[in-house]
């Protein structure tokens, strides 16, 4: 199965955004990648509010934990508490390898927790594996 999926990347670090975009481009990942840089914008996008009124519902969210205006933990909590949004798979993709962040993310119903590799080649490999899993292995709602 090679269906294109809508991916929402919630990331404030321009370097990490660029690496993710390059990982998608380098491996010819055919998914639509949309980026928002803070938690409040993420929730507005997910709820189709304001400038995001026509935004597509993502099939997958890649979520950084350390975000301005509303951190990733709050985004994850609100997303998973919302009956309209909770079925969207969320992969926490963050620099934190703190056990409390891992536990809290899973307690908030994250679907996976991945610590971002610092090495670019390894980062590309991780993004490719996430893509392979959600495009080729699992069945997403509405697909």
C-alpha atoms as a PDB file:
ATOM      1  CA  UNK A   1       0.000   0.000   0.000  1.00  0.00           C
ATOM      2  CA  UNK A   2       1.486   3.356  -1.005  1.00  0.00           C
ATOM      3  CA  UNK A   3      -1.342   5.739  -0.223  1.00  0.00           C
ATOM      4  CA  UNK A   4      -0.262   9.275   0.578  1.00  0.00           C
ATOM      5  CA  UNK A   5      -1.052  10.298   4.118  1.00  0.00           C
ATOM      6  CA  UNK A   6      -1.414  13.721   5.689  1.00  0.00           C
ATOM      7  CA  UNK A   7       1.278  14.285   8.321  1.00  0.00           C
ATOM      8  CA  UNK A   8       1.205  17.193  10.756  1.00  0.00           C
ATOM      9  CA  UNK A   9       4.617  18.046  12.174  1.00  0.00           C
ATOM     10  CA  UNK A  10       4.381  20.138  15.333  1.00  0.00           C
ATOM     11  CA  UNK A  11       7.925  21.462  15.734  1.00  0.00           C
ATOM     12  CA  UNK A  12       9.404  24.848  16.611  1.00  0.00           C
ATOM     13  CA  UNK A  13      13.067  24.147  15.820  1.00  0.00           C
ATOM     14  CA  UNK A  14      13.764  25.230  12.214  1.00  0.00           C
ATOM     15  CA  UNK A  15      16.692  22.803  11.980  1.00  0.00           C
ATOM     16  CA  UNK A  16      14.517  19.848  12.977  1.00  0.00           C
ATOM     17  CA  UNK A  17      11.800  20.973  10.554  1.00  0.00           C
ATOM     18  CA  UNK A  18      14.372  21.140   7.761  1.00  0.00           C
ATOM     19  CA  UNK A  19      15.776  17.701   8.631  1.00  0.00           C
ATOM     20  CA  UNK A  20      12.270  16.208   8.632  1.00  0.00           C
ATOM     21  CA  UNK A  21      11.447  17.837   5.290  1.00  0.00           C
ATOM     22  CA  UNK A  22      14.746  16.565   3.865  1.00  0.00           C
ATOM     23  CA  UNK A  23      14.071  13.079   5.225  1.00  0.00           C
ATOM     24  CA  UNK A  24      10.718  13.070   3.440  1.00  0.00           C
ATOM     25  CA  UNK A  25      12.330  14.367   0.212  1.00  0.00           C
ATOM     26  CA  UNK A  26      15.434  12.116   0.359  1.00  0.00           C
ATOM     27  CA  UNK A  27      13.406   8.949   0.637  1.00  0.00           C
ATOM     28  CA  UNK A  28      10.699  10.087  -1.746  1.00  0.00           C
ATOM     29  CA  UNK A  29       8.140   9.906   1.011  1.00  0.00           C
ATOM     30  CA  UNK A  30       4.970  10.818  -0.863  1.00  0.00           C
ATOM     31  CA  UNK A  31       3.138  12.132   2.150  1.00  0.00           C
ATOM     32  CA  UNK A  32       1.835  15.648   2.561  1.00  0.00           C
ATOM     33  CA  UNK A  33       3.822  17.273   5.396  1.00  0.00           C
ATOM     34  CA  UNK A  34       2.369  20.334   7.088  1.00  0.00           C
ATOM     35  CA  UNK A  35       4.315  22.151   9.796  1.00  0.00           C
ATOM     36  CA  UNK A  36       3.070  24.281  12.681  1.00  0.00           C
ATOM     37  CA  UNK A  37       5.546  25.797  15.125  1.00  0.00           C
ATOM     38  CA  UNK A  38       3.697  25.983  18.429  1.00  0.00           C
ATOM     39  CA  UNK A  39       1.066  24.209  20.483  1.00  0.00           C
ATOM     40  CA  UNK A  40      -1.674  26.809  20.128  1.00  0.00           C
ATOM     41  CA  UNK A  41      -1.342  26.769  16.326  1.00  0.00           C
ATOM     42  CA  UNK A  42      -1.373  22.975  16.425  1.00  0.00           C
ATOM     43  CA  UNK A  43      -4.674  22.885  18.274  1.00  0.00           C
ATOM     44  CA  UNK A  44      -6.159  25.544  15.955  1.00  0.00           C
ATOM     45  CA  UNK A  45      -5.040  23.437  12.963  1.00  0.00           C
ATOM     46  CA  UNK A  46      -6.446  20.223  14.413  1.00  0.00           C
ATOM     47  CA  UNK A  47      -9.753  21.917  15.290  1.00  0.00           C
ATOM     48  CA  UNK A  48      -9.885  23.746  11.921  1.00  0.00           C
ATOM     49  CA  UNK A  49     -10.087  27.171  13.534  1.00  0.00           C
ATOM     50  CA  UNK A  50      -9.309  30.571  12.002  1.00  0.00           C
ATOM     51  CA  UNK A  51      -6.700  30.413   9.236  1.00  0.00           C
ATOM     52  CA  UNK A  52      -6.842  26.607   9.435  1.00  0.00           C
ATOM     53  CA  UNK A  53     -10.574  26.325   8.659  1.00  0.00           C
ATOM     54  CA  UNK A  54      -9.852  24.349   5.469  1.00  0.00           C
ATOM     55  CA  UNK A  55      -6.976  22.291   6.869  1.00  0.00           C
ATOM     56  CA  UNK A  56      -7.080  18.568   6.177  1.00  0.00           C
ATOM     57  CA  UNK A  57      -7.379  16.253   9.154  1.00  0.00           C
ATOM     58  CA  UNK A  58      -3.965  14.657   9.564  1.00  0.00           C
ATOM     59  CA  UNK A  59      -3.573  10.893   9.422  1.00  0.00           C
ATOM     60  CA  UNK A  60      -0.508  11.130  11.657  1.00  0.00           C
ATOM     61  CA  UNK A  61       0.931  13.722  14.048  1.00  0.00           C
ATOM     62  CA  UNK A  62       4.656  14.024  14.747  1.00  0.00           C
ATOM     63  CA  UNK A  63       4.851  15.983  17.997  1.00  0.00           C
ATOM     64  CA  UNK A  64       7.765  17.692  19.712  1.00  0.00           C
ATOM     65  CA  UNK A  65       7.319  18.091  23.471  1.00  0.00           C
ATOM     66  CA  UNK A  66       9.140  21.382  23.976  1.00  0.00           C
ATOM     67  CA  UNK A  67       6.988  23.932  22.188  1.00  0.00           C
ATOM     68  CA  UNK A  68       6.206  27.619  22.776  1.00  0.00           C
ATOM     69  CA  UNK A  69       2.743  28.942  23.719  1.00  0.00           C
ATOM     70  CA  UNK A  70       1.493  25.457  24.709  1.00  0.00           C
ATOM     71  CA  UNK A  71       3.857  22.576  25.185  1.00  0.00           C
ATOM     72  CA  UNK A  72       3.596  19.214  23.481  1.00  0.00           C
ATOM     73  CA  UNK A  73       2.356  17.489  26.620  1.00  0.00           C
ATOM     74  CA  UNK A  74      -0.613  19.869  26.744  1.00  0.00           C
ATOM     75  CA  UNK A  75      -1.246  19.382  23.013  1.00  0.00           C
ATOM     76  CA  UNK A  76      -1.161  15.611  23.449  1.00  0.00           C
ATOM     77  CA  UNK A  77      -3.534  15.784  26.434  1.00  0.00           C
ATOM     78  CA  UNK A  78      -6.053  17.978  24.589  1.00  0.00           C
ATOM     79  CA  UNK A  79      -5.823  16.007  21.358  1.00  0.00           C
ATOM     80  CA  UNK A  80      -6.405  12.656  23.056  1.00  0.00           C
ATOM     81  CA  UNK A  81      -9.228  14.084  25.202  1.00  0.00           C
ATOM     82  CA  UNK A  82     -11.110  15.323  22.116  1.00  0.00           C
ATOM     83  CA  UNK A  83     -13.547  12.692  20.742  1.00  0.00           C
ATOM     84  CA  UNK A  84     -13.070  14.067  17.202  1.00  0.00           C
ATOM     85  CA  UNK A  85      -9.257  13.935  17.317  1.00  0.00           C
ATOM     86  CA  UNK A  86      -8.242  11.139  19.679  1.00  0.00           C
ATOM     87  CA  UNK A  87      -8.075   8.459  16.984  1.00  0.00           C
ATOM     88  CA  UNK A  88      -5.261  10.307  15.150  1.00  0.00           C
ATOM     89  CA  UNK A  89      -1.988   8.470  15.871  1.00  0.00           C
ATOM     90  CA  UNK A  90       0.593  10.647  17.603  1.00  0.00           C
ATOM     91  CA  UNK A  91       4.309   9.908  17.518  1.00  0.00           C
ATOM     92  CA  UNK A  92       6.212  11.979  20.051  1.00  0.00           C
ATOM     93  CA  UNK A  93       9.443  12.905  18.264  1.00  0.00           C
ATOM     94  CA  UNK A  94      11.587  14.815  20.718  1.00  0.00           C
ATOM     95  CA  UNK A  95      15.096  15.314  22.030  1.00  0.00           C
ATOM     96  CA  UNK A  96      14.054  14.307  25.540  1.00  0.00           C
ATOM     97  CA  UNK A  97      14.956  10.842  26.724  1.00  0.00           C
ATOM     98  CA  UNK A  98      13.774  11.592  30.271  1.00  0.00           C
ATOM     99  CA  UNK A  99      11.825   8.695  31.761  1.00  0.00           C
ATOM    100  CA  UNK A 100       9.167  11.068  33.143  1.00  0.00           C
ATOM    101  CA  UNK A 101       8.510  12.461  29.631  1.00  0.00           C
ATOM    102  CA  UNK A 102       8.244   8.940  28.219  1.00  0.00           C
ATOM    103  CA  UNK A 103       5.832   7.809  30.952  1.00  0.00           C
ATOM    104  CA  UNK A 104       3.761  10.983  30.787  1.00  0.00           C
ATOM    105  CA  UNK A 105       3.482  10.761  26.989  1.00  0.00           C
ATOM    106  CA  UNK A 106       2.226   7.180  27.117  1.00  0.00           C
ATOM    107  CA  UNK A 107      -0.096   8.056  30.011  1.00  0.00           C
ATOM    108  CA  UNK A 108      -1.522  10.756  27.715  1.00  0.00           C
ATOM    109  CA  UNK A 109      -2.039   8.026  25.075  1.00  0.00           C
ATOM    110  CA  UNK A 110       0.819   8.746  22.664  1.00  0.00           C
ATOM    111  CA  UNK A 111       1.036   5.954  20.105  1.00  0.00           C
ATOM    112  CA  UNK A 112       4.841   5.960  20.109  1.00  0.00           C
ATOM    113  CA  UNK A 113       7.740   7.847  21.678  1.00  0.00           C
ATOM    114  CA  UNK A 114      10.901   8.381  19.644  1.00  0.00           C
ATOM    115  CA  UNK A 115      13.987  10.256  20.799  1.00  0.00           C
ATOM    116  CA  UNK A 116      15.366  12.323  17.909  1.00  0.00           C
ATOM    117  CA  UNK A 117      18.775  11.171  16.781  1.00  0.00           C
ATOM    118  CA  UNK A 118      21.295  14.009  16.515  1.00  0.00           C
ATOM    119  CA  UNK A 119      23.016  12.434  13.497  1.00  0.00           C
ATOM    120  CA  UNK A 120      21.334  13.442  10.216  1.00  0.00           C
ATOM    121  CA  UNK A 121      21.616  10.009   8.566  1.00  0.00           C
ATOM    122  CA  UNK A 122      20.144   8.324  11.632  1.00  0.00           C
ATOM    123  CA  UNK A 123      17.374  10.959  11.777  1.00  0.00           C
ATOM    124  CA  UNK A 124      16.462  10.211   8.157  1.00  0.00           C
ATOM    125  CA  UNK A 125      16.375   6.492   8.954  1.00  0.00           C
ATOM    126  CA  UNK A 126      14.054   7.077  11.915  1.00  0.00           C
ATOM    127  CA  UNK A 127      11.650   9.248   9.887  1.00  0.00           C
ATOM    128  CA  UNK A 128      11.680   6.636   7.093  1.00  0.00           C
ATOM    129  CA  UNK A 129      10.829   3.876   9.565  1.00  0.00           C
ATOM    130  CA  UNK A 130       7.987   5.926  11.051  1.00  0.00           C
ATOM    131  CA  UNK A 131       6.684   6.507   7.522  1.00  0.00           C
ATOM    132  CA  UNK A 132       7.058   2.853   6.540  1.00  0.00           C
ATOM    133  CA  UNK A 133       5.170   1.762   9.625  1.00  0.00           C
ATOM    134  CA  UNK A 134       2.245   4.177   9.270  1.00  0.00           C
ATOM    135  CA  UNK A 135       1.954   3.885   5.477  1.00  0.00           C
ATOM    136  CA  UNK A 136       2.822   0.257   4.825  1.00  0.00           C
ATOM    137  CA  UNK A 137       2.143  -1.679   8.016  1.00  0.00           C
ATOM    138  CA  UNK A 138      -0.755  -0.257  10.016  1.00  0.00           C
ATOM    139  CA  UNK A 139      -4.261   0.510   8.882  1.00  0.00           C
ATOM    140  CA  UNK A 140      -5.204   4.106   9.681  1.00  0.00           C
ATOM    141  CA  UNK A 141      -8.789   5.216  10.406  1.00  0.00           C
ATOM    142  CA  UNK A 142     -10.689   6.160   7.268  1.00  0.00           C
ATOM    143  CA  UNK A 143      -8.096   4.600   4.935  1.00  0.00           C
END
